[in-house]
Amino acid sequence: PRNFGISARLGEPDAPFVVEADEYDTAFFDKRSKFV
């Protein structure tokens, strides 16, 4: 995001966390979608 210049940050500990929730599978050993 160009408003931030980075793709990820922790933010404040008590603040919301926004995550892009991808339906692609998790890993070769976990075939569930990442967002679960």
All heavy atoms as atom14 arrays in JSON, in Angstrom:
{
  "sequence": "PRNFGISARLGEPDAPFVVEADEYDTAFFDKRSKFV",
  "atom14_mask": [
    [1, 1, 1, 1, 1, 1, 1, 0, 0, 0, 0, 0, 0, 0],
    [1, 1, 1, 1, 1, 1, 1, 1, 1, 1, 1, 0, 0, 0],
    [1, 1, 1, 1, 1, 1, 1, 1, 0, 0, 0, 0, 0, 0],
    [1, 1, 1, 1, 1, 1, 1, 1, 1, 1, 1, 0, 0, 0],
    [1, 1, 1, 1, 0, 0, 0, 0, 0, 0, 0, 0, 0, 0],
    [1, 1, 1, 1, 1, 1, 1, 1, 0, 0, 0, 0, 0, 0],
    [1, 1, 1, 1, 1, 1, 0, 0, 0, 0, 0, 0, 0, 0],
    [1, 1, 1, 1, 1, 0, 0, 0, 0, 0, 0, 0, 0, 0],
    [1, 1, 1, 1, 1, 1, 1, 1, 1, 1, 1, 0, 0, 0],
    [1, 1, 1, 1, 1, 1, 1, 1, 0, 0, 0, 0, 0, 0],
    [1, 1, 1, 1, 0, 0, 0, 0, 0, 0, 0, 0, 0, 0],
    [1, 1, 1, 1, 1, 1, 1, 1, 1, 0, 0, 0, 0, 0],
    [1, 1, 1, 1, 1, 1, 1, 0, 0, 0, 0, 0, 0, 0],
    [1, 1, 1, 1, 1, 1, 1, 1, 0, 0, 0, 0, 0, 0],
    [1, 1, 1, 1, 1, 0, 0, 0, 0, 0, 0, 0, 0, 0],
    [1, 1, 1, 1, 1, 1, 1, 0, 0, 0, 0, 0, 0, 0],
    [1, 1, 1, 1, 1, 1, 1, 1, 1, 1, 1, 0, 0, 0],
    [1, 1, 1, 1, 1, 1, 1, 0, 0, 0, 0, 0, 0, 0],
    [1, 1, 1, 1, 1, 1, 1, 0, 0, 0, 0, 0, 0, 0],
    [1, 1, 1, 1, 1, 1, 1, 1, 1, 0, 0, 0, 0, 0],
    [1, 1, 1, 1, 1, 0, 0, 0, 0, 0, 0, 0, 0, 0],
    [1, 1, 1, 1, 1, 1, 1, 1, 0, 0, 0, 0, 0, 0],
    [1, 1, 1, 1, 1, 1, 1, 1, 1, 0, 0, 0, 0, 0],
    [1, 1, 1, 1, 1, 1, 1, 1, 1, 1, 1, 1, 0, 0],
    [1, 1, 1, 1, 1, 1, 1, 1, 0, 0, 0, 0, 0, 0],
    [1, 1, 1, 1, 1, 1, 1, 0, 0, 0, 0, 0, 0, 0],
    [1, 1, 1, 1, 1, 0, 0, 0, 0, 0, 0, 0, 0, 0],
    [1, 1, 1, 1, 1, 1, 1, 1, 1, 1, 1, 0, 0, 0],
    [1, 1, 1, 1, 1, 1, 1, 1, 1, 1, 1, 0, 0, 0],
    [1, 1, 1, 1, 1, 1, 1, 1, 0, 0, 0, 0, 0, 0],
    [1, 1, 1, 1, 1, 1, 1, 1, 1, 0, 0, 0, 0, 0],
    [1, 1, 1, 1, 1, 1, 1, 1, 1, 1, 1, 0, 0, 0],
    [1, 1, 1, 1, 1, 1, 0, 0, 0, 0, 0, 0, 0, 0],
    [1, 1, 1, 1, 1, 1, 1, 1, 1, 0, 0, 0, 0, 0],
    [1, 1, 1, 1, 1, 1, 1, 1, 1, 1, 1, 0, 0, 0],
    [1, 1, 1, 1, 1, 1, 1, 0, 0, 0, 0, 0, 0, 0]
  ],
  "atom14_positions": [
    [[0.85, -1.2, 0.0], [0.0, 0.0, 0.0], [0.88, 1.25, 0.0], [1.73, 1.42, 0.87], [-0.8, -0.11, 1.31], [-0.54, -1.49, 1.82], [0.75, -1.94, 1.26], [0.0, 0.0, 0.0], [0.0, 0.0, 0.0], [0.0, 0.0, 0.0], [0.0, 0.0, 0.0], [0.0, 0.0, 0.0], [0.0, 0.0, 0.0], [0.0, 0.0, 0.0]],
    [[0.66, 2.12, -0.97], [1.55, 3.27, -1.09], [1.35, 4.28, 0.04], [2.25, 5.08, 0.31], [1.36, 3.93, -2.46], [2.01, 3.12, -3.57], [2.01, 3.85, -4.88], [0.68, 3.89, -5.46], [0.36, 4.62, -6.53], [1.26, 5.39, -7.09], [-0.87, 4.58, -7.02], [0.0, 0.0, 0.0], [0.0, 0.0, 0.0], [0.0, 0.0, 0.0]],
    [[0.22, 4.25, 0.73], [0.05, 5.14, 1.87], [0.96, 4.75, 3.03], [1.22, 5.56, 3.92], [-1.4, 5.13, 2.36], [-2.34, 5.85, 1.42], [-2.97, 5.21, 0.58], [-2.42, 7.16, 1.52], [0.0, 0.0, 0.0], [0.0, 0.0, 0.0], [0.0, 0.0, 0.0], [0.0, 0.0, 0.0], [0.0, 0.0, 0.0], [0.0, 0.0, 0.0]],
    [[1.44, 3.5, 3.03], [2.31, 3.03, 4.11], [3.72, 2.74, 3.63], [4.67, 2.86, 4.4], [1.72, 1.76, 4.74], [0.41, 1.98, 5.43], [-0.79, 1.69, 4.78], [0.35, 2.47, 6.72], [-2.02, 1.88, 5.4], [-0.88, 2.67, 7.36], [-2.06, 2.38, 6.69], [0.0, 0.0, 0.0], [0.0, 0.0, 0.0], [0.0, 0.0, 0.0]],
    [[3.88, 2.31, 2.38], [5.2, 2.0, 1.85], [5.73, 0.65, 2.23], [6.83, 0.27, 1.83], [0.0, 0.0, 0.0], [0.0, 0.0, 0.0], [0.0, 0.0, 0.0], [0.0, 0.0, 0.0], [0.0, 0.0, 0.0], [0.0, 0.0, 0.0], [0.0, 0.0, 0.0], [0.0, 0.0, 0.0], [0.0, 0.0, 0.0], [0.0, 0.0, 0.0]],
    [[4.98, -0.13, 3.0], [5.36, -1.49, 3.38], [4.12, -2.37, 3.32], [2.99, -1.88, 3.4], [5.95, -1.55, 4.8], [5.01, -0.86, 5.81], [7.35, -0.95, 4.86], [5.46, -0.99, 7.25], [0.0, 0.0, 0.0], [0.0, 0.0, 0.0], [0.0, 0.0, 0.0], [0.0, 0.0, 0.0], [0.0, 0.0, 0.0], [0.0, 0.0, 0.0]],
    [[4.33, -3.67, 3.19], [3.2, -4.59, 3.04], [2.71, -5.16, 4.36], [1.65, -5.8, 4.39], [3.58, -5.74, 2.11], [4.65, -6.5, 2.67], [0.0, 0.0, 0.0], [0.0, 0.0, 0.0], [0.0, 0.0, 0.0], [0.0, 0.0, 0.0], [0.0, 0.0, 0.0], [0.0, 0.0, 0.0], [0.0, 0.0, 0.0], [0.0, 0.0, 0.0]],
    [[3.46, -4.94, 5.44], [3.05, -5.51, 6.73], [3.68, -4.73, 7.87], [4.8, -4.22, 7.75], [3.47, -6.98, 6.82], [0.0, 0.0, 0.0], [0.0, 0.0, 0.0], [0.0, 0.0, 0.0], [0.0, 0.0, 0.0], [0.0, 0.0, 0.0], [0.0, 0.0, 0.0], [0.0, 0.0, 0.0], [0.0, 0.0, 0.0], [0.0, 0.0, 0.0]],
    [[2.94, -4.65, 8.97], [3.47, -4.1, 10.21], [2.62, -4.61, 11.37], [1.48, -5.03, 11.18], [3.49, -2.57, 10.18], [2.14, -1.93, 10.4], [2.21, -0.42, 10.49], [0.95, 0.14, 10.95], [0.65, 1.43, 10.9], [1.51, 2.3, 10.41], [-0.52, 1.85, 11.36], [0.0, 0.0, 0.0], [0.0, 0.0, 0.0], [0.0, 0.0, 0.0]],
    [[3.16, -4.55, 12.58], [2.44, -5.04, 13.75], [1.37, -4.05, 14.21], [0.31, -4.46, 14.68], [3.41, -5.3, 14.9], [4.4, -6.45, 14.69], [5.38, -6.52, 15.84], [3.67, -7.78, 14.53], [0.0, 0.0, 0.0], [0.0, 0.0, 0.0], [0.0, 0.0, 0.0], [0.0, 0.0, 0.0], [0.0, 0.0, 0.0], [0.0, 0.0, 0.0]],
    [[1.63, -2.75, 14.11], [0.7, -1.77, 14.64], [0.69, -1.79, 16.16], [1.51, -2.46, 16.81], [0.0, 0.0, 0.0], [0.0, 0.0, 0.0], [0.0, 0.0, 0.0], [0.0, 0.0, 0.0], [0.0, 0.0, 0.0], [0.0, 0.0, 0.0], [0.0, 0.0, 0.0], [0.0, 0.0, 0.0], [0.0, 0.0, 0.0], [0.0, 0.0, 0.0]],
    [[-0.24, -1.05, 16.74], [-0.36, -1.04, 18.2], [-0.95, -2.36, 18.69], [-1.83, -2.93, 18.03], [-1.24, 0.12, 18.64], [-0.62, 1.49, 18.41], [0.65, 1.69, 19.23], [0.7, 1.18, 20.37], [1.58, 2.33, 18.71], [0.0, 0.0, 0.0], [0.0, 0.0, 0.0], [0.0, 0.0, 0.0], [0.0, 0.0, 0.0], [0.0, 0.0, 0.0]],
    [[-0.5, -2.85, 19.83], [-0.95, -4.17, 20.3], [-2.46, -4.29, 20.49], [-3.03, -5.38, 20.31], [-0.22, -4.34, 21.63], [0.96, -3.43, 21.54], [0.52, -2.26, 20.7], [0.0, 0.0, 0.0], [0.0, 0.0, 0.0], [0.0, 0.0, 0.0], [0.0, 0.0, 0.0], [0.0, 0.0, 0.0], [0.0, 0.0, 0.0], [0.0, 0.0, 0.0]],
    [[-3.11, -3.19, 20.86], [-4.56, -3.25, 21.1], [-5.37, -2.76, 19.9], [-6.59, -2.6, 20.0], [-4.92, -2.43, 22.34], [-4.5, -0.96, 22.23], [-3.74, -0.63, 21.29], [-4.92, -0.15, 23.07], [0.0, 0.0, 0.0], [0.0, 0.0, 0.0], [0.0, 0.0, 0.0], [0.0, 0.0, 0.0], [0.0, 0.0, 0.0], [0.0, 0.0, 0.0]],
    [[-4.72, -2.53, 18.78], [-5.41, -2.05, 17.57], [-5.86, -3.22, 16.71], [-5.34, -4.34, 16.83], [-4.48, -1.14, 16.77], [0.0, 0.0, 0.0], [0.0, 0.0, 0.0], [0.0, 0.0, 0.0], [0.0, 0.0, 0.0], [0.0, 0.0, 0.0], [0.0, 0.0, 0.0], [0.0, 0.0, 0.0], [0.0, 0.0, 0.0], [0.0, 0.0, 0.0]],
    [[-6.82, -3.0, 15.82], [-7.22, -4.07, 14.9], [-6.06, -4.5, 14.01], [-5.12, -3.73, 13.79], [-8.34, -3.42, 14.07], [-8.83, -2.27, 14.88], [-7.64, -1.78, 15.64], [0.0, 0.0, 0.0], [0.0, 0.0, 0.0], [0.0, 0.0, 0.0], [0.0, 0.0, 0.0], [0.0, 0.0, 0.0], [0.0, 0.0, 0.0], [0.0, 0.0, 0.0]],
    [[-6.15, -5.73, 13.51], [-5.16, -6.24, 12.56], [-5.9, -6.64, 11.3], [-6.81, -7.49, 11.33], [-4.39, -7.43, 13.14], [-3.16, -7.76, 12.35], [-1.92, -7.32, 12.76], [-3.24, -8.5, 11.17], [-0.76, -7.61, 12.03], [-2.11, -8.79, 10.43], [-0.86, -8.35, 10.86], [0.0, 0.0, 0.0], [0.0, 0.0, 0.0], [0.0, 0.0, 0.0]],
    [[-5.51, -6.04, 10.16], [-6.14, -6.3, 8.88], [-5.29, -7.32, 8.12], [-4.08, -7.12, 7.93], [-6.24, -5.01, 8.04], [-6.9, -5.29, 6.69], [-7.02, -3.94, 8.81], [0.0, 0.0, 0.0], [0.0, 0.0, 0.0], [0.0, 0.0, 0.0], [0.0, 0.0, 0.0], [0.0, 0.0, 0.0], [0.0, 0.0, 0.0], [0.0, 0.0, 0.0]],
    [[-5.91, -8.41, 7.7], [-5.15, -9.43, 6.98], [-5.86, -9.77, 5.67], [-7.08, -9.96, 5.64], [-4.95, -10.7, 7.85], [-6.27, -11.34, 8.25], [-4.07, -11.73, 7.13], [0.0, 0.0, 0.0], [0.0, 0.0, 0.0], [0.0, 0.0, 0.0], [0.0, 0.0, 0.0], [0.0, 0.0, 0.0], [0.0, 0.0, 0.0], [0.0, 0.0, 0.0]],
    [[-5.09, -9.81, 4.61], [-5.61, -10.28, 3.33], [-5.78, -11.79, 3.43], [-4.81, -12.52, 3.65], [-4.65, -9.91, 2.2], [-5.12, -10.34, 0.84], [-4.26, -9.79, -0.28], [-3.73, -8.68, -0.16], [-4.12, -10.51, -1.29], [0.0, 0.0, 0.0], [0.0, 0.0, 0.0], [0.0, 0.0, 0.0], [0.0, 0.0, 0.0], [0.0, 0.0, 0.0]],
    [[-7.0, -12.25, 3.27], [-7.34, -13.65, 3.57], [-7.46, -14.45, 2.27], [-8.48, -14.43, 1.6], [-8.65, -13.7, 4.36], [0.0, 0.0, 0.0], [0.0, 0.0, 0.0], [0.0, 0.0, 0.0], [0.0, 0.0, 0.0], [0.0, 0.0, 0.0], [0.0, 0.0, 0.0], [0.0, 0.0, 0.0], [0.0, 0.0, 0.0], [0.0, 0.0, 0.0]],
    [[-6.41, -15.17, 1.97], [-6.28, -15.9, 0.72], [-6.85, -17.31, 0.86], [-6.62, -17.99, 1.85], [-4.8, -15.95, 0.36], [-4.52, -16.61, -0.97], [-5.48, -16.86, -1.72], [-3.34, -16.87, -1.26], [0.0, 0.0, 0.0], [0.0, 0.0, 0.0], [0.0, 0.0, 0.0], [0.0, 0.0, 0.0], [0.0, 0.0, 0.0], [0.0, 0.0, 0.0]],
    [[-7.57, -17.74, -0.18], [-8.15, -19.08, -0.17], [-7.19, -20.15, -0.69], [-7.52, -21.34, -0.71], [-9.45, -19.12, -0.98], [-9.29, -18.97, -2.5], [-9.33, -17.54, -2.97], [-9.0, -16.63, -2.17], [-9.65, -17.31, -4.15], [0.0, 0.0, 0.0], [0.0, 0.0, 0.0], [0.0, 0.0, 0.0], [0.0, 0.0, 0.0], [0.0, 0.0, 0.0]],
    [[-6.01, -19.75, -1.15], [-5.04, -20.73, -1.62], [-4.61, -21.63, -0.47], [-4.69, -21.24, 0.7], [-3.83, -20.02, -2.23], [-3.17, -20.8, -3.33], [-3.66, -20.76, -4.63], [-2.05, -21.58, -3.09], [-3.07, -21.47, -5.65], [-1.44, -22.3, -4.1], [-1.95, -22.25, -5.38], [-1.37, -22.96, -6.38], [0.0, 0.0, 0.0], [0.0, 0.0, 0.0]],
    [[-4.12, -22.82, -0.78], [-3.81, -23.76, 0.3], [-2.6, -23.31, 1.11], [-1.82, -22.45, 0.7], [-3.67, -25.2, -0.21], [-2.54, -25.39, -1.2], [-1.76, -24.44, -1.42], [-2.43, -26.49, -1.76], [0.0, 0.0, 0.0], [0.0, 0.0, 0.0], [0.0, 0.0, 0.0], [0.0, 0.0, 0.0], [0.0, 0.0, 0.0], [0.0, 0.0, 0.0]],
    [[-2.45, -23.89, 2.3], [-1.52, -23.39, 3.31], [-0.09, -23.85, 3.07], [0.85, -23.05, 3.15], [-2.0, -23.84, 4.7], [-3.3, -23.28, 4.94], [-1.06, -23.41, 5.79], [0.0, 0.0, 0.0], [0.0, 0.0, 0.0], [0.0, 0.0, 0.0], [0.0, 0.0, 0.0], [0.0, 0.0, 0.0], [0.0, 0.0, 0.0], [0.0, 0.0, 0.0]],
    [[0.12, -25.13, 2.81], [1.46, -25.68, 2.63], [1.33, -27.08, 2.07], [0.24, -27.65, 2.02], [2.22, -25.7, 3.96], [0.0, 0.0, 0.0], [0.0, 0.0, 0.0], [0.0, 0.0, 0.0], [0.0, 0.0, 0.0], [0.0, 0.0, 0.0], [0.0, 0.0, 0.0], [0.0, 0.0, 0.0], [0.0, 0.0, 0.0], [0.0, 0.0, 0.0]],
    [[2.47, -27.67, 1.7], [2.41, -29.03, 1.14], [1.9, -30.03, 2.17], [1.39, -31.09, 1.82], [3.77, -29.45, 0.57], [4.81, -29.79, 1.61], [4.89, -31.05, 2.16], [5.73, -28.83, 2.02], [5.85, -31.37, 3.12], [6.7, -29.14, 2.96], [6.76, -30.4, 3.52], [0.0, 0.0, 0.0], [0.0, 0.0, 0.0], [0.0, 0.0, 0.0]],
    [[2.0, -29.67, 3.46], [1.55, -30.57, 4.53], [0.22, -30.11, 5.16], [-0.25, -30.72, 6.1], [2.62, -30.66, 5.62], [3.13, -29.33, 6.09], [2.48, -28.64, 7.1], [4.25, -28.76, 5.5], [2.94, -27.41, 7.53], [4.73, -27.52, 5.93], [4.06, -26.84, 6.95], [0.0, 0.0, 0.0], [0.0, 0.0, 0.0], [0.0, 0.0, 0.0]],
    [[-0.37, -29.05, 4.63], [-1.64, -28.54, 5.15], [-2.42, -27.97, 3.98], [-2.17, -26.86, 3.52], [-1.38, -27.45, 6.2], [-2.66, -26.91, 6.82], [-3.76, -27.26, 6.37], [-2.56, -26.1, 7.78], [0.0, 0.0, 0.0], [0.0, 0.0, 0.0], [0.0, 0.0, 0.0], [0.0, 0.0, 0.0], [0.0, 0.0, 0.0], [0.0, 0.0, 0.0]],
    [[-3.38, -28.75, 3.48], [-4.07, -28.37, 2.24], [-5.32, -27.53, 2.49], [-6.09, -27.26, 1.57], [-4.43, -29.62, 1.43], [-3.26, -30.53, 1.15], [-2.0, -29.81, 0.66], [-2.11, -29.3, -0.75], [-0.84, -28.65, -1.18], [0.0, 0.0, 0.0], [0.0, 0.0, 0.0], [0.0, 0.0, 0.0], [0.0, 0.0, 0.0], [0.0, 0.0, 0.0]],
    [[-5.53, -27.09, 3.72], [-6.62, -26.14, 3.98], [-6.26, -24.77, 3.45], [-5.07, -24.42, 3.32], [-6.89, -26.06, 5.49], [-7.37, -27.34, 6.13], [-7.41, -27.19, 7.65], [-6.07, -27.01, 8.2], [-5.83, -26.68, 9.46], [-6.84, -26.47, 10.29], [-4.58, -26.56, 9.89], [0.0, 0.0, 0.0], [0.0, 0.0, 0.0], [0.0, 0.0, 0.0]],
    [[-7.29, -23.96, 3.15], [-7.02, -22.58, 2.75], [-6.36, -21.82, 3.89], [-6.66, -22.04, 5.06], [-8.32, -21.89, 2.35], [-8.83, -22.41, 1.13], [0.0, 0.0, 0.0], [0.0, 0.0, 0.0], [0.0, 0.0, 0.0], [0.0, 0.0, 0.0], [0.0, 0.0, 0.0], [0.0, 0.0, 0.0], [0.0, 0.0, 0.0], [0.0, 0.0, 0.0]],
    [[-5.47, -20.9, 3.52], [-4.73, -20.16, 4.55], [-5.66, -19.43, 5.51], [-5.38, -19.32, 6.7], [-3.76, -19.17, 3.89], [-2.59, -19.81, 3.17], [-1.43, -18.85, 2.98], [-1.74, -17.75, 2.0], [-1.82, -18.22, 0.61], [0.0, 0.0, 0.0], [0.0, 0.0, 0.0], [0.0, 0.0, 0.0], [0.0, 0.0, 0.0], [0.0, 0.0, 0.0]],
    [[-6.79, -18.93, 4.98], [-7.61, -18.07, 5.83], [-8.29, -18.8, 6.99], [-8.78, -18.16, 7.92], [-8.61, -17.25, 5.03], [-9.58, -17.99, 4.12], [-10.14, -19.21, 4.47], [-9.96, -17.42, 2.92], [-11.04, -19.85, 3.65], [-10.87, -18.05, 2.08], [-11.41, -19.27, 2.45], [0.0, 0.0, 0.0], [0.0, 0.0, 0.0], [0.0, 0.0, 0.0]],
    [[-8.33, -20.13, 6.98], [-8.97, -20.81, 8.12], [-8.13, -20.69, 9.39], [-8.62, -20.97, 10.49], [-9.26, -22.3, 7.82], [-10.15, -22.44, 6.59], [-7.98, -23.09, 7.65], [0.0, 0.0, 0.0], [0.0, 0.0, 0.0], [0.0, 0.0, 0.0], [0.0, 0.0, 0.0], [0.0, 0.0, 0.0], [0.0, 0.0, 0.0], [0.0, 0.0, 0.0]]
  ]
}
